Amino acid sequence: MTKTNFKSPTPPQKRRKIIMSALTRRSFIGTAAAAVGSFAALQKVLGADRSKTDPGPANQPLDGQNPDSMWPPATDSKSLVPTFKYPFSFANKRTYEGGWSREVTVRELPVSKSMAGVNMRLTAGGVRELHWHTSAEWAIMLYGTARITAIDENGKSFVADTKKNDLWFFPSGIPHSIQGLQPDGCEFLLVFDDGDFSESETVLLSDSIAHLPTEVLSKNFGVREQAFQNVPKKELFIFQTDVPPSLAEDQKSAAGALGKSPKDFAFRTMEMRPTKQTKGGEVRIVDSRNFKVTTTAMAMVTVHPGGMRELHWHPNADEWQYYIAGKGRMTVVATGNRARTMDFQEGDVGYVQKTLLHYIENTGDTDLMFIEMFKSDLYQEFSFSEWLAHTPAELVMAHLNIDRATYDGIPKLGISVTPL
């Protein structure tokens, strides 16, 4: 019997680089020689096992973006873990004069049962019309500047301008609007505390008026019936109008007889110091302890090249993620001897079910920035290293077959982003 010699496994990072290089060459260098070289590189890193090749039809750009799905790490399980990634690039885009909107809900990402997201763009003067909905609305500004308006439960007005990385939060039933400002409008992400939520199911001012008889409107508002002859006959949703006047003018106009609301529905994220900061990156946590009106918690995470969002889990809520910049990969360890690794780029949505262990590693050469969202007014987290460091040493050593020096090297406090 012939004895087969097996080479030692290629380290994961090197293996990943070779795979990415091969896929990139296969995708973008359009010669037969390049294709042969690409497959040779794949064959070299994956060993002599001919089952680990893919000579048939392939969506090469997607394969290149998802190397850990193309060739999963050996630590992933072969039993299926539900997909926990969906790119906004795949979402249906509703376009209007004045902007556009697209959403990722449980319909697009079935595992995302507790939260949904909407990505929206408004031109300068473009308006997301006055509306309200049953779900609470949490938002982060991704680009530009916007003016938001609302009234509180006592009818008092709120008008504020927001910029990149600012947040806002409108509880269920609070009527509000969003408008893009000069010079180039805005883009933002909305997160709702219901996976079934859809922007097409909100209560709109235009749609409501269109379904009410003019005599009812006349009686309700105390004006002549003819004044409502030109109201919209269908929903506006997003529409173009003039850029609003100064903030001070709008605040004065909206104050009316009841005055301004004492509640602040906006939060200036970058004015707060990082909650945790290490050589590997930083985390800013915003929940009801520092943003009083919110019932949705957030962690804004930045991971520097070579760094990693540490192994951890959340005991109180599922985690809905949005990737703002950079590239990364996440492994989710599920129950029943299951695990899966997926790759993420900016514009992707990720999801981790409550209590499941996971990490997020920066796999690029620029900062990885993403937000973690929770349907909870308080942020809660268990650090994997902190748990082990506060469990009797002999017990941990017996579980993991490690020596005392290794145990003593485990960080005693959760560090959020490695390295320390």
Foldseek 3Di string as FASTA:
>chain_A
DDDDDDDDADPPLVLLVLLLVLLVQCPPVPDPVSPVVSQVSNCVNVDVPPVLGDPDDDPSVVCSQKVCVSPNDPLFDPDDDADFKDFQVPFDWADDAFWIKTWQFCVNRVVRFFKIKMKIFGWAQKKQAWWFAQWKKKKFWQAAKKWKWWADPVRFIDIDMDGHGKMFIDHHPIIMMMHFHPDTGTIMMIMTRGRPDDLVPIGGPLAVLLPDQLVVVCVVVVHDSVVCPPRDNHDDSMHGDHRDDDRVVVQVVSRPPPGHDPADRMGDQVVDDFPAQDPQWTKRKDFCVHRVPDFKIKIKTKGAAPKKQAKKFFAPFKKKKAWAAAKKKKKWQDPDSGIGMTIDGHRMIGIGGHPIIMMIHGSDNGMTIMMIMGSGRDGGMDGPLLVLLPDDPVVSCVVPVDDPVVNVPRDNDNRRMDDD
